[in-house]
Protein backbone atom coordinates (compact mmCIF):
# COMPACT_ATOMS: atom_id res chain seq x y z
CA UNK A 1 12.55 -40.27 0.13
CA UNK A 2 9.54 -38.25 -0.97
CA UNK A 3 9.55 -34.61 0.10
CA UNK A 4 6.65 -32.38 1.10
CA UNK A 5 5.83 -28.86 2.23
CA UNK A 6 3.39 -27.55 4.82
CA UNK A 7 1.58 -24.24 4.52
CA UNK A 8 -0.28 -22.78 7.49
CA UNK A 9 -2.74 -19.88 7.47
CA UNK A 10 -3.47 -19.12 11.11
CA UNK A 11 -6.08 -16.43 11.75
CA UNK A 12 -7.85 -15.25 14.87
CA UNK A 13 -10.75 -17.66 14.41
CA UNK A 14 -9.50 -20.58 12.30
CA UNK A 15 -6.32 -22.21 11.03
CA UNK A 16 -5.78 -24.10 7.77
CA UNK A 17 -2.96 -26.66 7.56
CA UNK A 18 -2.05 -27.80 4.04
CA UNK A 19 0.25 -30.64 2.99
CA UNK A 20 1.57 -30.64 -0.60
CA UNK A 21 4.41 -32.49 -2.29
CA UNK A 22 7.28 -30.43 -3.67
CA UNK A 23 5.83 -30.71 -7.20
CA UNK A 24 2.81 -28.70 -6.07
CA UNK A 25 0.40 -31.61 -5.78
CA UNK A 26 -2.21 -31.56 -3.03
CA UNK A 27 -1.90 -34.28 -0.39
CA UNK A 28 -4.06 -33.35 2.62
CA UNK A 29 -5.69 -30.55 4.62
CA UNK A 30 -6.81 -29.93 8.19
CA UNK A 31 -8.89 -27.05 9.52
CA UNK A 32 -8.93 -26.20 13.21
CA UNK A 33 -9.60 -23.25 15.49
CA UNK A 34 -7.17 -20.44 16.12
CA UNK A 35 -3.58 -21.10 17.08
CA UNK A 36 -2.89 -17.44 17.88
CA UNK A 37 -0.89 -16.87 21.04
CA UNK A 38 -3.02 -13.78 21.66
CA UNK A 39 -6.11 -15.91 22.26
CA UNK A 40 -4.81 -18.06 25.14
CA UNK A 41 -3.74 -17.38 28.74
CA UNK A 42 -0.53 -19.40 28.28
CA UNK A 43 0.17 -17.66 24.95
CA UNK A 44 2.98 -19.36 22.99
CA UNK A 45 2.68 -22.63 24.87
CA UNK A 46 -0.84 -23.04 23.49
CA UNK A 47 0.38 -22.09 20.02
CA UNK A 48 2.97 -24.86 20.25
CA UNK A 49 0.51 -27.40 21.66
CA UNK A 50 -2.13 -26.77 19.00
CA UNK A 51 0.14 -26.53 15.94
CA UNK A 52 2.25 -29.47 17.05
CA UNK A 53 -0.84 -31.63 17.55
CA UNK A 54 -2.43 -30.73 14.21
CA UNK A 55 0.75 -30.96 12.15
CA UNK A 56 1.61 -34.34 13.62
CA UNK A 57 -1.95 -35.49 12.97
CA UNK A 58 -1.58 -34.39 9.34
CA UNK A 59 1.71 -36.24 9.01
CA UNK A 60 0.61 -39.40 10.80
CA UNK A 61 -2.47 -40.02 8.72
CA UNK A 62 -0.32 -39.77 5.58
CA UNK A 63 2.50 -41.96 6.96
CA UNK A 64 4.95 -39.04 6.76
CA UNK A 65 7.53 -37.89 9.32
CA UNK A 66 9.13 -34.49 9.84
CA UNK A 67 12.16 -35.82 7.96
CA UNK A 68 10.01 -35.76 4.83
CA UNK A 69 9.18 -32.06 5.25
CA UNK A 70 11.37 -29.91 3.03
CA UNK A 71 9.90 -26.56 4.12
CA UNK A 72 7.07 -24.85 5.92
CA UNK A 73 5.50 -21.40 5.65
CA UNK A 74 3.39 -19.90 8.43
CA UNK A 75 1.24 -16.81 8.03
CA UNK A 76 -0.07 -16.19 11.53
CA UNK A 77 -2.18 -13.59 13.27
CA UNK A 78 -0.35 -11.94 16.14
CA UNK A 79 3.04 -11.61 14.42
CA UNK A 80 3.20 -7.84 14.62
CA UNK A 81 6.54 -7.06 16.29
CA UNK A 82 9.98 -8.77 16.22
CA UNK A 83 9.68 -10.45 19.62
CA UNK A 84 6.44 -12.17 18.54
CA UNK A 85 8.10 -13.40 15.36
CA UNK A 86 11.06 -14.73 17.34
CA UNK A 87 8.84 -16.51 19.87
CA UNK A 88 6.78 -18.15 17.14
CA UNK A 89 9.94 -19.11 15.25
CA UNK A 90 11.01 -20.89 18.44
CA UNK A 91 7.63 -22.65 18.55
CA UNK A 92 7.99 -23.86 14.95
CA UNK A 93 11.55 -25.00 15.57
CA UNK A 94 10.30 -27.01 18.55
CA UNK A 95 7.76 -28.71 16.31
CA UNK A 96 10.65 -29.92 14.17
CA UNK A 97 10.88 -27.57 11.18
CA UNK A 98 14.35 -26.65 9.95
CA UNK A 99 13.55 -24.71 6.78
CA UNK A 100 10.65 -22.34 7.32
CA UNK A 101 9.34 -18.77 7.27
CA UNK A 102 6.93 -17.26 9.77
CA UNK A 103 5.35 -13.85 9.57
CA UNK A 104 2.11 -11.91 9.80
CA UNK A 105 -0.74 -13.38 7.78
CA UNK A 106 -0.83 -10.22 5.64
CA UNK A 107 2.21 -11.55 3.76
CA UNK A 108 0.23 -14.53 2.50
CA UNK A 109 -1.81 -12.20 0.30
CA UNK A 110 1.39 -11.16 -1.50
CA UNK A 111 2.36 -14.73 -2.29
CA UNK A 112 -1.19 -15.64 -3.30
CA UNK A 113 -2.10 -12.53 -5.26
CA UNK A 114 0.99 -11.30 -7.13
CA UNK A 115 2.58 -12.61 -10.29
CA UNK A 116 6.14 -12.83 -8.92
CA UNK A 117 5.69 -13.38 -5.18
CA UNK A 118 6.56 -9.84 -4.15
CA UNK A 119 4.60 -6.62 -3.75
CA UNK A 120 2.32 -5.10 -1.12
CA UNK A 121 -0.84 -6.45 0.51
CA UNK A 122 -3.38 -4.07 2.03
CA UNK A 123 -5.72 -6.00 4.30
CA UNK A 124 -9.05 -4.37 5.10
CA UNK A 125 -11.18 -6.98 6.81
CA UNK A 126 -12.34 -6.95 10.41
CA UNK A 127 -9.19 -4.90 11.01
CA UNK A 128 -6.47 -3.47 8.79
CA UNK A 129 -2.74 -3.92 8.20
CA UNK A 130 -0.29 -3.65 5.31
CA UNK A 131 2.63 -5.91 4.47
CA UNK A 132 5.31 -5.67 1.82
CA UNK A 133 7.90 -8.00 0.29
CA UNK A 134 10.37 -6.53 -2.17
CA UNK A 135 12.19 -8.40 -4.98
CA UNK A 136 15.24 -8.92 -2.74
CA UNK A 137 13.12 -10.60 -0.06
CA UNK A 138 13.02 -7.65 2.32
CA UNK A 139 9.83 -7.60 4.36
CA UNK A 140 7.97 -4.89 6.26
CA UNK A 141 4.67 -4.75 8.12
CA UNK A 142 3.00 -1.40 8.72
CA UNK A 143 0.19 -1.27 11.24
CA UNK A 144 -1.76 -4.11 12.73
CA UNK A 145 -1.74 -3.15 16.40
CA UNK A 146 -4.49 -0.55 16.66
CA UNK A 147 -5.86 2.71 15.35
CA UNK A 148 -4.59 4.76 18.27
CA UNK A 149 -0.99 3.58 17.94
CA UNK A 150 -0.29 3.10 14.25
CA UNK A 151 -3.19 4.37 12.19
CA UNK A 152 -5.25 1.23 11.60
CA UNK A 153 -8.27 3.45 10.95
CA UNK A 154 -10.07 1.05 8.65
CA UNK A 155 -11.50 -2.44 8.82
CA UNK A 156 -15.07 -3.42 9.51
CA UNK A 157 -15.02 -2.89 13.26
CA UNK A 158 -13.54 0.59 12.96
CA UNK A 159 -15.81 1.66 10.10
CA UNK A 160 -18.96 0.40 11.81
CA UNK A 161 -18.13 2.42 14.90
CA UNK A 162 -17.32 5.38 12.69
CA UNK A 163 -20.82 5.22 11.21
CA UNK A 164 -22.30 5.12 14.71
CA UNK A 165 -20.05 7.98 15.83
CA UNK A 166 -20.93 10.09 12.77
CA UNK A 167 -24.62 9.90 13.68
CA UNK A 168 -23.94 10.58 17.37
CA UNK A 169 -21.87 13.66 16.52
CA UNK A 170 -24.71 14.90 14.33
CA UNK A 171 -27.31 14.33 17.03
CA UNK A 172 -25.43 15.64 20.05
CA UNK A 173 -22.01 17.10 19.27
CA UNK A 174 -22.75 20.02 16.96
CA UNK A 175 -21.69 18.28 13.75
CA UNK A 176 -23.67 18.82 10.54
CA UNK A 177 -26.78 16.77 9.86
CA UNK A 178 -26.08 13.52 8.04
CA UNK A 179 -28.27 11.37 5.84
CA UNK A 180 -26.93 8.41 7.85
CA UNK A 181 -29.01 9.28 10.91
CA UNK A 182 -32.37 7.81 9.86
CA UNK A 183 -31.13 4.51 8.33
CA UNK A 184 -28.69 3.89 11.19
CA UNK A 185 -31.39 4.46 13.79
CA UNK A 186 -33.78 2.21 11.89
CA UNK A 187 -31.13 -0.52 11.56
CA UNK A 188 -30.41 -0.39 15.29
CA UNK A 189 -34.12 -0.17 16.18
CA UNK A 190 -33.82 3.21 17.93
CA UNK A 191 -37.13 5.06 17.99
CA UNK A 192 -35.89 8.35 19.45
CA UNK A 193 -32.46 9.98 19.68
CA UNK A 194 -32.92 10.06 23.47
CA UNK A 195 -32.27 6.29 23.47
CA UNK A 196 -29.37 6.40 21.03
CA UNK A 197 -26.40 6.06 23.37
CA UNK A 198 -28.20 3.50 25.55
CA UNK A 199 -28.84 1.24 22.57
CA UNK A 200 -25.30 1.68 21.24
CA UNK A 201 -23.88 0.81 24.65
CA UNK A 202 -25.97 -2.36 24.81
CA UNK A 203 -25.00 -3.51 21.33
CA UNK A 204 -21.29 -2.86 21.72
CA UNK A 205 -21.15 -4.46 25.19
CA UNK A 206 -22.78 -7.65 23.89
CA UNK A 207 -20.88 -7.76 20.60
CA UNK A 208 -24.13 -7.43 18.62
CA UNK A 209 -23.36 -4.31 16.64
CA UNK A 210 -24.31 -5.16 13.00
CA UNK A 211 -20.88 -4.42 11.55
CA UNK A 212 -21.46 -5.44 7.95
CA UNK A 213 -24.70 -3.50 7.59
CA UNK A 214 -23.27 -0.36 9.20
CA UNK A 215 -20.26 -0.40 6.87
CA UNK A 216 -22.57 -0.84 3.87
CA UNK A 217 -24.63 2.15 4.98
CA UNK A 218 -21.52 4.28 5.46
CA UNK A 219 -20.23 3.49 1.96
CA UNK A 220 -23.65 3.89 0.36
CA UNK A 221 -24.18 7.35 1.81
CA UNK A 222 -20.61 8.39 1.05
CA UNK A 223 -21.14 7.31 -2.55
CA UNK A 224 -24.32 9.42 -2.60
CA UNK A 225 -22.31 12.43 -1.46
CA UNK A 226 -23.22 12.86 2.22
CA UNK A 227 -20.36 15.08 3.47
CA UNK A 228 -19.98 13.37 6.86
CA UNK A 229 -19.93 9.90 5.34
CA UNK A 230 -17.50 11.03 2.64
CA UNK A 231 -15.20 12.45 5.34
CA UNK A 232 -15.20 9.15 7.24
CA UNK A 233 -14.42 7.09 4.14
CA UNK A 234 -11.81 9.61 3.00
CA UNK A 235 -9.96 9.28 6.29
CA UNK A 236 -9.90 5.48 6.10
CA UNK A 237 -8.70 5.61 2.50
CA UNK A 238 -5.94 7.99 3.59
CA UNK A 239 -4.81 5.75 6.44
CA UNK A 240 -4.85 2.62 4.28
CA UNK A 241 -2.84 4.44 1.62
CA UNK A 242 -0.30 5.68 4.16
CA UNK A 243 0.33 2.13 5.38
CA UNK A 244 0.59 0.62 1.90
CA UNK A 245 2.79 3.48 0.69
CA UNK A 246 4.93 3.15 3.79
CA UNK A 247 5.68 -0.43 2.76
CA UNK A 248 6.57 0.70 -0.76
CA UNK A 249 8.78 3.60 0.27
CA UNK A 250 10.65 1.72 3.00
CA UNK A 251 11.43 -1.31 0.80
CA UNK A 252 13.35 -1.56 -2.49
CA UNK A 253 10.98 -1.89 -5.44
CA UNK A 254 11.47 -1.16 -9.11
CA UNK A 255 9.24 1.13 -11.13
CA UNK A 256 6.17 -1.13 -10.86
CA UNK A 257 4.58 -2.48 -7.68
CA UNK A 258 1.70 -4.93 -7.43
CA UNK A 259 -0.72 -4.06 -4.62
CA UNK A 260 -3.02 -6.85 -3.45
CA UNK A 261 -6.28 -5.87 -1.74
CA UNK A 262 -7.48 -8.51 0.72
CA UNK A 263 -10.10 -8.77 3.43
CA UNK A 264 -13.89 -8.59 3.43
CA UNK A 265 -14.18 -4.79 3.25
CA UNK A 266 -12.00 -4.59 0.15
CA UNK A 267 -13.48 -7.65 -1.51
CA UNK A 268 -17.16 -7.05 -0.75
CA UNK A 269 -17.32 -3.26 -1.09
CA UNK A 270 -20.52 -2.40 -2.96
CA UNK A 271 -19.25 0.99 -4.15
CA UNK A 272 -15.85 2.06 -5.51
CA UNK A 273 -15.43 5.17 -3.37
CA UNK A 274 -12.92 3.73 -0.86
CA UNK A 275 -10.81 2.12 -3.59
CA UNK A 276 -10.82 5.25 -5.77
CA UNK A 277 -9.67 7.46 -2.90
CA UNK A 278 -7.08 4.88 -1.80
CA UNK A 279 -5.55 4.82 -5.28
CA UNK A 280 -5.49 8.61 -5.40
CA UNK A 281 -3.55 8.85 -2.14
CA UNK A 282 -1.11 6.06 -3.06
CA UNK A 283 -0.28 7.92 -6.28
CA UNK A 284 0.46 11.03 -4.21
CA UNK A 285 2.66 9.21 -1.69
CA UNK A 286 4.75 7.14 -4.13
CA UNK A 287 6.36 7.57 -7.53
CA UNK A 288 5.65 3.98 -8.58
CA UNK A 289 3.42 2.53 -11.24
CA UNK A 290 1.01 0.55 -9.06
CA UNK A 291 -1.04 -2.36 -10.34
CA UNK A 292 -3.97 -3.38 -8.15
CA UNK A 293 -5.31 -6.92 -7.68
CA UNK A 294 -8.31 -7.97 -5.59
CA UNK A 295 -7.41 -11.20 -3.78
CA UNK A 296 -10.02 -13.70 -4.94
CA UNK A 297 -8.19 -16.87 -3.87
CA UNK A 298 -7.85 -18.16 -0.30
CA UNK A 299 -4.85 -16.61 1.54
CA UNK A 300 -3.77 -20.15 2.48
CA UNK A 301 -2.67 -20.47 -1.14
CA UNK A 302 0.11 -18.03 -0.28
CA UNK A 303 1.40 -20.25 2.53
CA UNK A 304 1.77 -23.25 0.19
CA UNK A 305 3.40 -21.16 -2.56
CA UNK A 306 5.79 -19.63 -0.05
CA UNK A 307 6.81 -23.06 1.24
CA UNK A 308 7.43 -24.25 -2.32
CA UNK A 309 9.50 -21.13 -2.95
CA UNK A 310 11.71 -22.04 0.01
CA UNK A 311 12.37 -25.44 -1.54
CA UNK A 312 12.99 -24.26 -5.10
CA UNK A 313 14.65 -20.89 -4.34
CA UNK A 314 12.27 -19.25 -6.80
CA UNK A 315 8.62 -18.32 -6.96
CA UNK A 316 6.32 -20.96 -8.47
CA UNK A 317 5.82 -20.91 -12.23
CA UNK A 318 2.35 -20.18 -13.56
CA UNK A 319 1.49 -23.86 -14.01
CA UNK A 320 2.40 -24.80 -10.44
CA UNK A 321 0.71 -21.70 -9.04
CA UNK A 322 -2.50 -22.45 -10.92
CA UNK A 323 -2.43 -26.05 -9.70
CA UNK A 324 -1.97 -25.00 -6.06
CA UNK A 325 -4.72 -22.37 -6.29
CA UNK A 326 -7.17 -24.87 -7.77
CA UNK A 327 -6.41 -27.45 -5.07
CA UNK A 328 -6.79 -24.99 -2.19
CA UNK A 329 -10.01 -23.54 -3.61
CA UNK A 330 -11.49 -27.02 -4.08
CA UNK A 331 -10.57 -27.93 -0.51
CA UNK A 332 -11.89 -24.95 1.42
CA UNK A 333 -14.57 -23.52 -0.87
């Protein structure tokens, strides 16, 4: 009987379901909306309904049953604390999986972006979180549930609001003048500081705050040396480094650790200032030799590689890894 694996990358907006054989050959792919329990009133019941429907659809159209599935790996948004992991493990067991792993989607970056399948992934996208897997298989997530609670003071949404706040503090709260004021007001079409908070309130209430452009302005002015912008970026670099270093120091690594940088803010940063400060802080917090990799392949690659690892009891060799990466990139490019 032929055997297969399923890899699932389930984010807050979309979910990718991949079917590969155990030799690392692509078979099929489905993309659907989110399966996150945090997005539905009936929570885990909707997660079960959606994933069960899509996985069975994937199997049926390839004339495969769950008996053919050797392993599954699920990197899912909303797996931030043990009870969430347990509830989603119950969901996956109900679907019919016997050999599987489920965890936060930050762990997919480790499997996709490291040479040996272990290391640390710092995600800095719309939000931020860090995940670590050590050589013994120990796993730890740091952050992921909010800036107020656990220091997720990075990510596009946070940084955009920080740019807005920096200008507001300069205009009204006795902070030093910042070169951000004019370009931010022009971007947001504010003609006079009298209308500043009204316009900000409108844009945030309607979800129309131009996040990407505000983050670009913040980085650009920090790179040019504006003290207020530098301070904002410095704080985010510090918080990102604390989370990544927390993974390193609370797990069991050797002398060298691979750190994968994933998410739109890391990948699309137009200046190096955040990365340079992040590296500086990591070197202060740890005694490891850290090697940094920007994740340039789809995170879903990590789900497939993780599932194959469960079957073979070892991380994929370079040939298999390259084959999986190429297939995933061709499918969802």
